[in-house]
Amino acid sequence: MFHQKTSLFMKIIRPFLLFISILLFGWLFMSNINLINVATTLNEAEISSEVGKVNAFTNIDKLKEFTIEKINYLEVVRERFSENALIRVIVISALVLIQIILYATRGNFSNSKTMDF
């Protein structure tokens, strides 16, 4: 009786875990897609513009202020990337756990099918 309840539970939980796994893989894929540099010419133009701004400075104090602003901006971006990387590590860990559960229950699930006859 216990084995039948476990089998029924696995019939319900396995598709659910598979669905969650597919959703997490999709989210991971989509969250990394936007990190691809597809507009390299636009980025190069932006970099050239920033270099032009630096070359145009004549006052050292204004240059220092501009540089400090850029360093602060880079720090914010670095923190954001770090947070996103942490989220991705958690998602990957959850996916690994789900895959291990799905793999471990695969044998038990297929054996219970043969016992139902």
PDB file of N, CA and C in Angstrom:
ATOM      1  N   MET A   1       0.821  -1.194   0.000  1.00  0.00           N
ATOM      2  CA  MET A   1       0.000   0.000   0.000  1.00  0.00           C
ATOM      3  C   MET A   1       0.868   1.262   0.000  1.00  0.00           C
ATOM      4  N   PHE A   2       1.908   1.249   0.845  1.00  0.00           N
ATOM      5  CA  PHE A   2       2.811   2.397   0.920  1.00  0.00           C
ATOM      6  C   PHE A   2       3.494   2.627  -0.424  1.00  0.00           C
ATOM      7  N   HIS A   3       3.859   1.544  -1.080  1.00  0.00           N
ATOM      8  CA  HIS A   3       4.550   1.647  -2.365  1.00  0.00           C
ATOM      9  C   HIS A   3       3.628   2.277  -3.418  1.00  0.00           C
ATOM     10  N   GLN A   4       2.330   1.958  -3.360  1.00  0.00           N
ATOM     11  CA  GLN A   4       1.382   2.527  -4.305  1.00  0.00           C
ATOM     12  C   GLN A   4       1.192   4.016  -4.068  1.00  0.00           C
ATOM     13  N   LYS A   5       1.164   4.427  -2.794  1.00  0.00           N
ATOM     14  CA  LYS A   5       1.043   5.849  -2.485  1.00  0.00           C
ATOM     15  C   LYS A   5       2.281   6.597  -2.960  1.00  0.00           C
ATOM     16  N   THR A   6       3.453   5.987  -2.764  1.00  0.00           N
ATOM     17  CA  THR A   6       4.690   6.598  -3.224  1.00  0.00           C
ATOM     18  C   THR A   6       4.684   6.707  -4.740  1.00  0.00           C
ATOM     19  N   SER A   7       4.195   5.667  -5.403  1.00  0.00           N
ATOM     20  CA  SER A   7       4.126   5.668  -6.856  1.00  0.00           C
ATOM     21  C   SER A   7       3.196   6.774  -7.351  1.00  0.00           C
ATOM     22  N   LEU A   8       2.047   6.922  -6.718  1.00  0.00           N
ATOM     23  CA  LEU A   8       1.112   7.977  -7.088  1.00  0.00           C
ATOM     24  C   LEU A   8       1.725   9.351  -6.848  1.00  0.00           C
ATOM     25  N   PHE A   9       2.409   9.491  -5.720  1.00  0.00           N
ATOM     26  CA  PHE A   9       3.078  10.755  -5.412  1.00  0.00           C
ATOM     27  C   PHE A   9       4.124  11.077  -6.482  1.00  0.00           C
ATOM     28  N   MET A  10       4.897  10.084  -6.888  1.00  0.00           N
ATOM     29  CA  MET A  10       5.937  10.305  -7.896  1.00  0.00           C
ATOM     30  C   MET A  10       5.325  10.611  -9.255  1.00  0.00           C
ATOM     31  N   LYS A  11       4.165  10.023  -9.557  1.00  0.00           N
ATOM     32  CA  LYS A  11       3.481  10.328 -10.820  1.00  0.00           C
ATOM     33  C   LYS A  11       3.062  11.789 -10.862  1.00  0.00           C
ATOM     34  N   ILE A  12       2.787  12.352  -9.717  1.00  0.00           N
ATOM     35  CA  ILE A  12       2.376  13.752  -9.644  1.00  0.00           C
ATOM     36  C   ILE A  12       3.590  14.679  -9.542  1.00  0.00           C
ATOM     37  N   ILE A  13       4.561  14.321  -8.710  1.00  0.00           N
ATOM     38  CA  ILE A  13       5.676  15.229  -8.420  1.00  0.00           C
ATOM     39  C   ILE A  13       6.694  15.287  -9.559  1.00  0.00           C
ATOM     40  N   ARG A  14       6.914  14.177 -10.252  1.00  0.00           N
ATOM     41  CA  ARG A  14       7.921  14.168 -11.325  1.00  0.00           C
ATOM     42  C   ARG A  14       7.578  15.162 -12.436  1.00  0.00           C
ATOM     43  N   PRO A  15       6.341  15.159 -12.979  1.00  0.00           N
ATOM     44  CA  PRO A  15       6.029  16.159 -14.013  1.00  0.00           C
ATOM     45  C   PRO A  15       6.124  17.591 -13.483  1.00  0.00           C
ATOM     46  N   PHE A  16       5.746  17.784 -12.224  1.00  0.00           N
ATOM     47  CA  PHE A  16       5.850  19.114 -11.619  1.00  0.00           C
ATOM     48  C   PHE A  16       7.312  19.558 -11.544  1.00  0.00           C
ATOM     49  N   LEU A  17       8.185  18.666 -11.069  1.00  0.00           N
ATOM     50  CA  LEU A  17       9.613  19.003 -10.992  1.00  0.00           C
ATOM     51  C   LEU A  17      10.197  19.236 -12.375  1.00  0.00           C
ATOM     52  N   LEU A  18       9.775  18.453 -13.340  1.00  0.00           N
ATOM     53  CA  LEU A  18      10.253  18.641 -14.711  1.00  0.00           C
ATOM     54  C   LEU A  18       9.804  19.999 -15.255  1.00  0.00           C
ATOM     55  N   PHE A  19       8.556  20.369 -14.981  1.00  0.00           N
ATOM     56  CA  PHE A  19       8.032  21.665 -15.421  1.00  0.00           C
ATOM     57  C   PHE A  19       8.809  22.815 -14.774  1.00  0.00           C
ATOM     58  N   ILE A  20       9.049  22.721 -13.477  1.00  0.00           N
ATOM     59  CA  ILE A  20       9.832  23.748 -12.769  1.00  0.00           C
ATOM     60  C   ILE A  20      11.242  23.817 -13.347  1.00  0.00           C
ATOM     61  N   SER A  21      11.821  22.670 -13.616  1.00  0.00           N
ATOM     62  CA  SER A  21      13.156  22.613 -14.181  1.00  0.00           C
ATOM     63  C   SER A  21      13.212  23.311 -15.537  1.00  0.00           C
ATOM     64  N   ILE A  22      12.234  23.045 -16.390  1.00  0.00           N
ATOM     65  CA  ILE A  22      12.194  23.694 -17.707  1.00  0.00           C
ATOM     66  C   ILE A  22      12.033  25.201 -17.556  1.00  0.00           C
ATOM     67  N   LEU A  23      11.175  25.628 -16.639  1.00  0.00           N
ATOM     68  CA  LEU A  23      11.007  27.068 -16.400  1.00  0.00           C
ATOM     69  C   LEU A  23      12.317  27.717 -15.941  1.00  0.00           C
ATOM     70  N   LEU A  24      13.018  27.068 -15.024  1.00  0.00           N
ATOM     71  CA  LEU A  24      14.276  27.624 -14.519  1.00  0.00           C
ATOM     72  C   LEU A  24      15.352  27.654 -15.599  1.00  0.00           C
ATOM     73  N   PHE A  25      15.424  26.596 -16.415  1.00  0.00           N
ATOM     74  CA  PHE A  25      16.370  26.606 -17.531  1.00  0.00           C
ATOM     75  C   PHE A  25      16.040  27.739 -18.507  1.00  0.00           C
ATOM     76  N   GLY A  26      14.756  27.934 -18.777  1.00  0.00           N
ATOM     77  CA  GLY A  26      14.337  29.027 -19.658  1.00  0.00           C
ATOM     78  C   GLY A  26      14.703  30.385 -19.093  1.00  0.00           C
ATOM     79  N   TRP A  27      14.460  30.569 -17.795  1.00  0.00           N
ATOM     80  CA  TRP A  27      14.809  31.848 -17.169  1.00  0.00           C
ATOM     81  C   TRP A  27      16.313  32.083 -17.233  1.00  0.00           C
ATOM     82  N   LEU A  28      17.084  31.033 -16.950  1.00  0.00           N
ATOM     83  CA  LEU A  28      18.540  31.142 -16.987  1.00  0.00           C
ATOM     84  C   LEU A  28      19.009  31.506 -18.395  1.00  0.00           C
ATOM     85  N   PHE A  29      18.429  30.883 -19.387  1.00  0.00           N
ATOM     86  CA  PHE A  29      18.772  31.175 -20.779  1.00  0.00           C
ATOM     87  C   PHE A  29      18.439  32.629 -21.121  1.00  0.00           C
ATOM     88  N   MET A  30      17.234  33.070 -20.786  1.00  0.00           N
ATOM     89  CA  MET A  30      16.804  34.432 -21.120  1.00  0.00           C
ATOM     90  C   MET A  30      17.599  35.487 -20.342  1.00  0.00           C
ATOM     91  N   SER A  31      17.973  35.189 -19.112  1.00  0.00           N
ATOM     92  CA  SER A  31      18.716  36.176 -18.331  1.00  0.00           C
ATOM     93  C   SER A  31      20.141  36.340 -18.848  1.00  0.00           C
ATOM     94  N   ASN A  32      20.662  35.335 -19.515  1.00  0.00           N
ATOM     95  CA  ASN A  32      22.013  35.437 -20.063  1.00  0.00           C
ATOM     96  C   ASN A  32      22.029  35.967 -21.489  1.00  0.00           C
ATOM     97  N   ILE A  33      20.909  35.892 -22.186  1.00  0.00           N
ATOM     98  CA  ILE A  33      20.831  36.377 -23.569  1.00  0.00           C
ATOM     99  C   ILE A  33      21.168  37.866 -23.638  1.00  0.00           C
ATOM    100  N   ASN A  34      20.667  38.647 -22.690  1.00  0.00           N
ATOM    101  CA  ASN A  34      20.882  40.093 -22.757  1.00  0.00           C
ATOM    102  C   ASN A  34      22.313  40.502 -22.399  1.00  0.00           C
ATOM    103  N   LEU A  35      23.157  39.555 -22.003  1.00  0.00           N
ATOM    104  CA  LEU A  35      24.554  39.868 -21.728  1.00  0.00           C
ATOM    105  C   LEU A  35      25.421  39.780 -22.976  1.00  0.00           C
ATOM    106  N   ILE A  36      24.851  39.267 -24.068  1.00  0.00           N
ATOM    107  CA  ILE A  36      25.591  39.160 -25.321  1.00  0.00           C
ATOM    108  C   ILE A  36      25.695  40.542 -25.945  1.00  0.00           C
ATOM    109  N   ASN A  37      26.884  40.892 -26.361  1.00  0.00           N
ATOM    110  CA  ASN A  37      27.140  42.211 -26.938  1.00  0.00           C
ATOM    111  C   ASN A  37      26.812  42.183 -28.425  1.00  0.00           C
ATOM    112  N   VAL A  38      25.549  42.487 -28.764  1.00  0.00           N
ATOM    113  CA  VAL A  38      25.131  42.466 -30.159  1.00  0.00           C
ATOM    114  C   VAL A  38      25.303  43.820 -30.840  1.00  0.00           C
ATOM    115  N   ALA A  39      25.382  44.876 -30.071  1.00  0.00           N
ATOM    116  CA  ALA A  39      25.506  46.227 -30.632  1.00  0.00           C
ATOM    117  C   ALA A  39      26.921  46.750 -30.410  1.00  0.00           C
ATOM    118  N   THR A  40      27.904  46.058 -30.963  1.00  0.00           N
ATOM    119  CA  THR A  40      29.296  46.455 -30.717  1.00  0.00           C
ATOM    120  C   THR A  40      29.610  47.828 -31.288  1.00  0.00           C
ATOM    121  N   THR A  41      29.031  48.177 -32.432  1.00  0.00           N
ATOM    122  CA  THR A  41      29.315  49.497 -32.998  1.00  0.00           C
ATOM    123  C   THR A  41      28.747  50.602 -32.120  1.00  0.00           C
ATOM    124  N   LEU A  42      27.565  50.362 -31.535  1.00  0.00           N
ATOM    125  CA  LEU A  42      26.980  51.338 -30.622  1.00  0.00           C
ATOM    126  C   LEU A  42      27.856  51.496 -29.383  1.00  0.00           C
ATOM    127  N   ASN A  43      28.344  50.385 -28.840  1.00  0.00           N
ATOM    128  CA  ASN A  43      29.220  50.440 -27.671  1.00  0.00           C
ATOM    129  C   ASN A  43      30.534  51.133 -27.996  1.00  0.00           C
ATOM    130  N   GLU A  44      31.084  50.875 -29.168  1.00  0.00           N
ATOM    131  CA  GLU A  44      32.322  51.540 -29.575  1.00  0.00           C
ATOM    132  C   GLU A  44      32.114  53.044 -29.715  1.00  0.00           C
ATOM    133  N   ALA A  45      30.959  53.459 -30.243  1.00  0.00           N
ATOM    134  CA  ALA A  45      30.648  54.880 -30.357  1.00  0.00           C
ATOM    135  C   ALA A  45      30.520  55.520 -28.983  1.00  0.00           C
ATOM    136  N   GLU A  46      29.906  54.797 -28.051  1.00  0.00           N
ATOM    137  CA  GLU A  46      29.765  55.314 -26.686  1.00  0.00           C
ATOM    138  C   GLU A  46      31.138  55.465 -26.032  1.00  0.00           C
ATOM    139  N   ILE A  47      31.990  54.480 -26.219  1.00  0.00           N
ATOM    140  CA  ILE A  47      33.344  54.544 -25.656  1.00  0.00           C
ATOM    141  C   ILE A  47      34.116  55.715 -26.260  1.00  0.00           C
ATOM    142  N   SER A  48      34.011  55.887 -27.570  1.00  0.00           N
ATOM    143  CA  SER A  48      34.695  57.013 -28.229  1.00  0.00           C
ATOM    144  C   SER A  48      34.190  58.349 -27.692  1.00  0.00           C
ATOM    145  N   SER A  49      32.893  58.419 -27.442  1.00  0.00           N
ATOM    146  CA  SER A  49      32.305  59.639 -26.889  1.00  0.00           C
ATOM    147  C   SER A  49      32.859  59.925 -25.501  1.00  0.00           C
ATOM    148  N   GLU A  50      32.962  58.885 -24.664  1.00  0.00           N
ATOM    149  CA  GLU A  50      33.499  59.063 -23.309  1.00  0.00           C
ATOM    150  C   GLU A  50      34.974  59.470 -23.352  1.00  0.00           C
ATOM    151  N   VAL A  51      35.740  58.874 -24.243  1.00  0.00           N
ATOM    152  CA  VAL A  51      37.157  59.245 -24.388  1.00  0.00           C
ATOM    153  C   VAL A  51      37.266  60.688 -24.847  1.00  0.00           C
ATOM    154  N   GLY A  52      36.370  61.087 -25.746  1.00  0.00           N
ATOM    155  CA  GLY A  52      36.348  62.481 -26.198  1.00  0.00           C
ATOM    156  C   GLY A  52      36.067  63.445 -25.058  1.00  0.00           C
ATOM    157  N   LYS A  53      35.159  63.057 -24.166  1.00  0.00           N
ATOM    158  CA  LYS A  53      34.859  63.896 -23.005  1.00  0.00           C
ATOM    159  C   LYS A  53      36.099  64.052 -22.120  1.00  0.00           C
ATOM    160  N   VAL A  54      36.810  62.946 -21.911  1.00  0.00           N
ATOM    161  CA  VAL A  54      38.008  62.998 -21.063  1.00  0.00           C
ATOM    162  C   VAL A  54      39.068  63.879 -21.710  1.00  0.00           C
ATOM    163  N   ASN A  55      39.256  63.738 -23.009  1.00  0.00           N
ATOM    164  CA  ASN A  55      40.265  64.546 -23.710  1.00  0.00           C
ATOM    165  C   ASN A  55      39.908  66.025 -23.723  1.00  0.00           C
ATOM    166  N   ALA A  56      38.625  66.364 -23.609  1.00  0.00           N
ATOM    167  CA  ALA A  56      38.185  67.756 -23.657  1.00  0.00           C
ATOM    168  C   ALA A  56      38.402  68.490 -22.330  1.00  0.00           C
ATOM    169  N   PHE A  57      38.643  67.767 -21.243  1.00  0.00           N
ATOM    170  CA  PHE A  57      38.822  68.416 -19.948  1.00  0.00           C
ATOM    171  C   PHE A  57      40.127  69.207 -19.918  1.00  0.00           C
ATOM    172  N   THR A  58      40.018  70.420 -19.404  1.00  0.00           N
ATOM    173  CA  THR A  58      41.211  71.243 -19.204  1.00  0.00           C
ATOM    174  C   THR A  58      41.452  71.489 -17.719  1.00  0.00           C
ATOM    175  N   ASN A  59      40.390  71.387 -16.948  1.00  0.00           N
ATOM    176  CA  ASN A  59      40.484  71.597 -15.508  1.00  0.00           C
ATOM    177  C   ASN A  59      40.637  70.231 -14.832  1.00  0.00           C
ATOM    178  N   ILE A  60      41.706  70.064 -14.080  1.00  0.00           N
ATOM    179  CA  ILE A  60      41.999  68.783 -13.434  1.00  0.00           C
ATOM    180  C   ILE A  60      40.935  68.416 -12.404  1.00  0.00           C
ATOM    181  N   ASP A  61      40.354  69.404 -11.727  1.00  0.00           N
ATOM    182  CA  ASP A  61      39.319  69.120 -10.737  1.00  0.00           C
ATOM    183  C   ASP A  61      38.061  68.542 -11.402  1.00  0.00           C
ATOM    184  N   LYS A  62      37.689  69.075 -12.557  1.00  0.00           N
ATOM    185  CA  LYS A  62      36.534  68.550 -13.301  1.00  0.00           C
ATOM    186  C   LYS A  62      36.826  67.128 -13.788  1.00  0.00           C
ATOM    187  N   LEU A  63      38.055  66.875 -14.202  1.00  0.00           N
ATOM    188  CA  LEU A  63      38.447  65.541 -14.639  1.00  0.00           C
ATOM    189  C   LEU A  63      38.377  64.552 -13.480  1.00  0.00           C
ATOM    190  N   LYS A  64      38.830  64.977 -12.304  1.00  0.00           N
ATOM    191  CA  LYS A  64      38.754  64.121 -11.113  1.00  0.00           C
ATOM    192  C   LYS A  64      37.296  63.803 -10.780  1.00  0.00           C
ATOM    193  N   GLU A  65      36.437  64.822 -10.834  1.00  0.00           N
ATOM    194  CA  GLU A  65      35.020  64.629 -10.532  1.00  0.00           C
ATOM    195  C   GLU A  65      34.387  63.649 -11.520  1.00  0.00           C
ATOM    196  N   PHE A  66      34.698  63.809 -12.792  1.00  0.00           N
ATOM    197  CA  PHE A  66      34.180  62.919 -13.831  1.00  0.00           C
ATOM    198  C   PHE A  66      34.646  61.483 -13.588  1.00  0.00           C
ATOM    199  N   THR A  67      35.915  61.334 -13.239  1.00  0.00           N
ATOM    200  CA  THR A  67      36.489  60.007 -13.004  1.00  0.00           C
ATOM    201  C   THR A  67      35.858  59.339 -11.787  1.00  0.00           C
ATOM    202  N   ILE A  68      35.662  60.097 -10.727  1.00  0.00           N
ATOM    203  CA  ILE A  68      35.028  59.546  -9.522  1.00  0.00           C
ATOM    204  C   ILE A  68      33.602  59.098  -9.823  1.00  0.00           C
ATOM    205  N   GLU A  69      32.863  59.859 -10.631  1.00  0.00           N
ATOM    206  CA  GLU A  69      31.511  59.468 -11.023  1.00  0.00           C
ATOM    207  C   GLU A  69      31.534  58.146 -11.789  1.00  0.00           C
ATOM    208  N   LYS A  70      32.493  58.005 -12.689  1.00  0.00           N
ATOM    209  CA  LYS A  70      32.601  56.775 -13.478  1.00  0.00           C
ATOM    210  C   LYS A  70      32.976  55.585 -12.588  1.00  0.00           C
ATOM    211  N   ILE A  71      33.860  55.802 -11.640  1.00  0.00           N
ATOM    212  CA  ILE A  71      34.250  54.725 -10.718  1.00  0.00           C
ATOM    213  C   ILE A  71      33.058  54.298  -9.871  1.00  0.00           C
ATOM    214  N   ASN A  72      32.275  55.258  -9.386  1.00  0.00           N
ATOM    215  CA  ASN A  72      31.073  54.932  -8.601  1.00  0.00           C
ATOM    216  C   ASN A  72      30.068  54.159  -9.450  1.00  0.00           C
ATOM    217  N   TYR A  73      29.920  54.563 -10.705  1.00  0.00           N
ATOM    218  CA  TYR A  73      29.014  53.865 -11.614  1.00  0.00           C
ATOM    219  C   TYR A  73      29.480  52.421 -11.830  1.00  0.00           C
ATOM    220  N   LEU A  74      30.777  52.238 -12.028  1.00  0.00           N
ATOM    221  CA  LEU A  74      31.322  50.892 -12.214  1.00  0.00           C
ATOM    222  C   LEU A  74      31.100  50.027 -10.978  1.00  0.00           C
ATOM    223  N   GLU A  75      31.181  50.619  -9.807  1.00  0.00           N
ATOM    224  CA  GLU A  75      30.944  49.882  -8.560  1.00  0.00           C
ATOM    225  C   GLU A  75      29.491  49.414  -8.482  1.00  0.00           C
ATOM    226  N   VAL A  76      28.557  50.283  -8.867  1.00  0.00           N
ATOM    227  CA  VAL A  76      27.139  49.909  -8.864  1.00  0.00           C
ATOM    228  C   VAL A  76      26.902  48.762  -9.849  1.00  0.00           C
ATOM    229  N   VAL A  77      27.494  48.859 -11.035  1.00  0.00           N
ATOM    230  CA  VAL A  77      27.341  47.808 -12.036  1.00  0.00           C
ATOM    231  C   VAL A  77      27.944  46.502 -11.527  1.00  0.00           C
ATOM    232  N   ARG A  78      29.100  46.569 -10.879  1.00  0.00           N
ATOM    233  CA  ARG A  78      29.748  45.373 -10.350  1.00  0.00           C
ATOM    234  C   ARG A  78      28.876  44.711  -9.281  1.00  0.00           C
ATOM    235  N   GLU A  79      28.281  45.509  -8.409  1.00  0.00           N
ATOM    236  CA  GLU A  79      27.390  44.968  -7.377  1.00  0.00           C
ATOM    237  C   GLU A  79      26.164  44.313  -7.999  1.00  0.00           C
ATOM    238  N   ARG A  80      25.614  44.924  -9.037  1.00  0.00           N
ATOM    239  CA  ARG A  80      24.450  44.366  -9.716  1.00  0.00           C
ATOM    240  C   ARG A  80      24.798  43.029 -10.377  1.00  0.00           C
ATOM    241  N   PHE A  81      25.967  42.977 -11.031  1.00  0.00           N
ATOM    242  CA  PHE A  81      26.410  41.721 -11.642  1.00  0.00           C
ATOM    243  C   PHE A  81      26.638  40.653 -10.585  1.00  0.00           C
ATOM    244  N   SER A  82      27.157  41.044  -9.437  1.00  0.00           N
ATOM    245  CA  SER A  82      27.394  40.097  -8.357  1.00  0.00           C
ATOM    246  C   SER A  82      26.074  39.529  -7.840  1.00  0.00           C
ATOM    247  N   GLU A  83      25.070  40.381  -7.668  1.00  0.00           N
ATOM    248  CA  GLU A  83      23.752  39.921  -7.228  1.00  0.00           C
ATOM    249  C   GLU A  83      23.141  38.965  -8.246  1.00  0.00           C
ATOM    250  N   ASN A  84      23.247  39.329  -9.525  1.00  0.00           N
ATOM    251  CA  ASN A  84      22.709  38.463 -10.576  1.00  0.00           C
ATOM    252  C   ASN A  84      23.450  37.128 -10.627  1.00  0.00           C
ATOM    253  N   ALA A  85      24.758  37.165 -10.432  1.00  0.00           N
ATOM    254  CA  ALA A  85      25.538  35.920 -10.427  1.00  0.00           C
ATOM    255  C   ALA A  85      25.116  35.032  -9.264  1.00  0.00           C
ATOM    256  N   LEU A  86      24.849  35.617  -8.113  1.00  0.00           N
ATOM    257  CA  LEU A  86      24.393  34.846  -6.958  1.00  0.00           C
ATOM    258  C   LEU A  86      23.046  34.184  -7.243  1.00  0.00           C
ATOM    259  N   ILE A  87      22.139  34.931  -7.862  1.00  0.00           N
ATOM    260  CA  ILE A  87      20.831  34.374  -8.227  1.00  0.00           C
ATOM    261  C   ILE A  87      21.008  33.219  -9.203  1.00  0.00           C
ATOM    262  N   ARG A  88      21.894  33.388 -10.181  1.00  0.00           N
ATOM    263  CA  ARG A  88      22.131  32.311 -11.154  1.00  0.00           C
ATOM    264  C   ARG A  88      22.722  31.073 -10.485  1.00  0.00           C
ATOM    265  N   VAL A  89      23.617  31.264  -9.531  1.00  0.00           N
ATOM    266  CA  VAL A  89      24.192  30.123  -8.814  1.00  0.00           C
ATOM    267  C   VAL A  89      23.105  29.386  -8.033  1.00  0.00           C
ATOM    268  N   ILE A  90      22.197  30.124  -7.416  1.00  0.00           N
ATOM    269  CA  ILE A  90      21.093  29.496  -6.678  1.00  0.00           C
ATOM    270  C   ILE A  90      20.189  28.728  -7.642  1.00  0.00           C
ATOM    271  N   VAL A  91      19.884  29.330  -8.795  1.00  0.00           N
ATOM    272  CA  VAL A  91      19.032  28.655  -9.782  1.00  0.00           C
ATOM    273  C   VAL A  91      19.712  27.400 -10.303  1.00  0.00           C
ATOM    274  N   ILE A  92      21.000  27.480 -10.600  1.00  0.00           N
ATOM    275  CA  ILE A  92      21.729  26.305 -11.082  1.00  0.00           C
ATOM    276  C   ILE A  92      21.756  25.223 -10.003  1.00  0.00           C
ATOM    277  N   SER A  93      21.947  25.607  -8.756  1.00  0.00           N
ATOM    278  CA  SER A  93      21.930  24.630  -7.656  1.00  0.00           C
ATOM    279  C   SER A  93      20.566  23.955  -7.548  1.00  0.00           C
ATOM    280  N   ALA A  94      19.504  24.744  -7.670  1.00  0.00           N
ATOM    281  CA  ALA A  94      18.148  24.175  -7.626  1.00  0.00           C
ATOM    282  C   ALA A  94      17.936  23.223  -8.798  1.00  0.00           C
ATOM    283  N   LEU A  95      18.435  23.600  -9.966  1.00  0.00           N
ATOM    284  CA  LEU A  95      18.298  22.727 -11.129  1.00  0.00           C
ATOM    285  C   LEU A  95      19.056  21.420 -10.948  1.00  0.00           C
ATOM    286  N   VAL A  96      20.246  21.503 -10.398  1.00  0.00           N
ATOM    287  CA  VAL A  96      21.021  20.287 -10.140  1.00  0.00           C
ATOM    288  C   VAL A  96      20.268  19.395  -9.160  1.00  0.00           C
ATOM    289  N   LEU A  97      19.726  19.977  -8.110  1.00  0.00           N
ATOM    290  CA  LEU A  97      18.964  19.208  -7.126  1.00  0.00           C
ATOM    291  C   LEU A  97      17.737  18.560  -7.768  1.00  0.00           C
ATOM    292  N   ILE A  98      17.022  19.310  -8.578  1.00  0.00           N
ATOM    293  CA  ILE A  98      15.841  18.769  -9.257  1.00  0.00           C
ATOM    294  C   ILE A  98      16.236  17.620 -10.180  1.00  0.00           C
ATOM    295  N   GLN A  99      17.319  17.807 -10.916  1.00  0.00           N
ATOM    296  CA  GLN A  99      17.759  16.744 -11.826  1.00  0.00           C
ATOM    297  C   GLN A  99      18.183  15.496 -11.059  1.00  0.00           C
ATOM    298  N   ILE A 100      18.831  15.671  -9.925  1.00  0.00           N
ATOM    299  CA  ILE A 100      19.222  14.517  -9.098  1.00  0.00           C
ATOM    300  C   ILE A 100      17.983  13.790  -8.592  1.00  0.00           C
ATOM    301  N   ILE A 101      16.990  14.551  -8.131  1.00  0.00           N
ATOM    302  CA  ILE A 101      15.742  13.928  -7.657  1.00  0.00           C
ATOM    303  C   ILE A 101      15.047  13.194  -8.799  1.00  0.00           C
ATOM    304  N   LEU A 102      14.984  13.832  -9.962  1.00  0.00           N
ATOM    305  CA  LEU A 102      14.342  13.179 -11.107  1.00  0.00           C
ATOM    306  C   LEU A 102      15.090  11.910 -11.508  1.00  0.00           C
ATOM    307  N   TYR A 103      16.397  11.971 -11.483  1.00  0.00           N
ATOM    308  CA  TYR A 103      17.183  10.788 -11.847  1.00  0.00           C
ATOM    309  C   TYR A 103      17.043   9.688 -10.800  1.00  0.00           C
ATOM    310  N   ALA A 104      17.085  10.064  -9.539  1.00  0.00           N
ATOM    311  CA  ALA A 104      17.011   9.068  -8.464  1.00  0.00           C
ATOM    312  C   ALA A 104      15.647   8.393  -8.423  1.00  0.00           C
ATOM    313  N   THR A 105      14.594   9.108  -8.741  1.00  0.00           N
ATOM    314  CA  THR A 105      13.254   8.526  -8.681  1.00  0.00           C
ATOM    315  C   THR A 105      12.877   7.827  -9.983  1.00  0.00           C
ATOM    316  N   ARG A 106      13.660   7.983 -10.996  1.00  0.00           N
ATOM    317  CA  ARG A 106      13.359   7.360 -12.286  1.00  0.00           C
ATOM    318  C   ARG A 106      13.303   5.848 -12.160  1.00  0.00           C
ATOM    319  N   GLY A 107      14.290   5.250 -11.509  1.00  0.00           N
ATOM    320  CA  GLY A 107      14.321   3.798 -11.330  1.00  0.00           C
ATOM    321  C   GLY A 107      13.145   3.304 -10.515  1.00  0.00           C
ATOM    322  N   ASN A 108      12.837   3.993  -9.426  1.00  0.00           N
ATOM    323  CA  ASN A 108      11.719   3.590  -8.567  1.00  0.00           C
ATOM    324  C   ASN A 108      10.391   3.733  -9.305  1.00  0.00           C
ATOM    325  N   PHE A 109      10.276   4.771 -10.075  1.00  0.00           N
ATOM    326  CA  PHE A 109       9.038   5.042 -10.799  1.00  0.00           C
ATOM    327  C   PHE A 109       8.804   3.980 -11.869  1.00  0.00           C
ATOM    328  N   SER A 110       9.845   3.627 -12.613  1.00  0.00           N
ATOM    329  CA  SER A 110       9.675   2.633 -13.670  1.00  0.00           C
ATOM    330  C   SER A 110       9.432   1.250 -13.081  1.00  0.00           C
ATOM    331  N   ASN A 111      10.010   0.935 -11.926  1.00  0.00           N
ATOM    332  CA  ASN A 111       9.768  -0.351 -11.283  1.00  0.00           C
ATOM    333  C   ASN A 111       8.338  -0.461 -10.800  1.00  0.00           C
ATOM    334  N   SER A 112       7.764   0.649 -10.331  1.00  0.00           N
ATOM    335  CA  SER A 112       6.407   0.596  -9.803  1.00  0.00           C
ATOM    336  C   SER A 112       5.404   0.360 -10.919  1.00  0.00           C
ATOM    337  N   LYS A 113       5.719   0.749 -12.138  1.00  0.00           N
ATOM    338  CA  LYS A 113       4.827   0.499 -13.262  1.00  0.00           C
ATOM    339  C   LYS A 113       4.666  -0.990 -13.517  1.00  0.00           C
ATOM    340  N   THR A 114       5.781  -1.714 -13.416  1.00  0.00           N
ATOM    341  CA  THR A 114       5.725  -3.136 -13.659  1.00  0.00           C
ATOM    342  C   THR A 114       5.009  -3.866 -12.535  1.00  0.00           C
ATOM    343  N   MET A 115       4.987  -3.324 -11.346  1.00  0.00           N
ATOM    344  CA  MET A 115       4.346  -3.979 -10.206  1.00  0.00           C
ATOM    345  C   MET A 115       2.835  -3.721 -10.202  1.00  0.00           C
ATOM    346  N   ASP A 116       2.380  -2.705 -10.970  1.00  0.00           N
ATOM    347  CA  ASP A 116       0.950  -2.393 -10.984  1.00  0.00           C
ATOM    348  C   ASP A 116       0.130  -3.494 -11.675  1.00  0.00           C
ATOM    349  N   PHE A 117       0.749  -4.306 -12.513  1.00  0.00           N
ATOM    350  CA  PHE A 117       0.015  -5.345 -13.224  1.00  0.00           C
ATOM    351  C   PHE A 117      -0.418  -6.402 -12.319  1.00  0.00           C
TER     352      PHE A 117
END
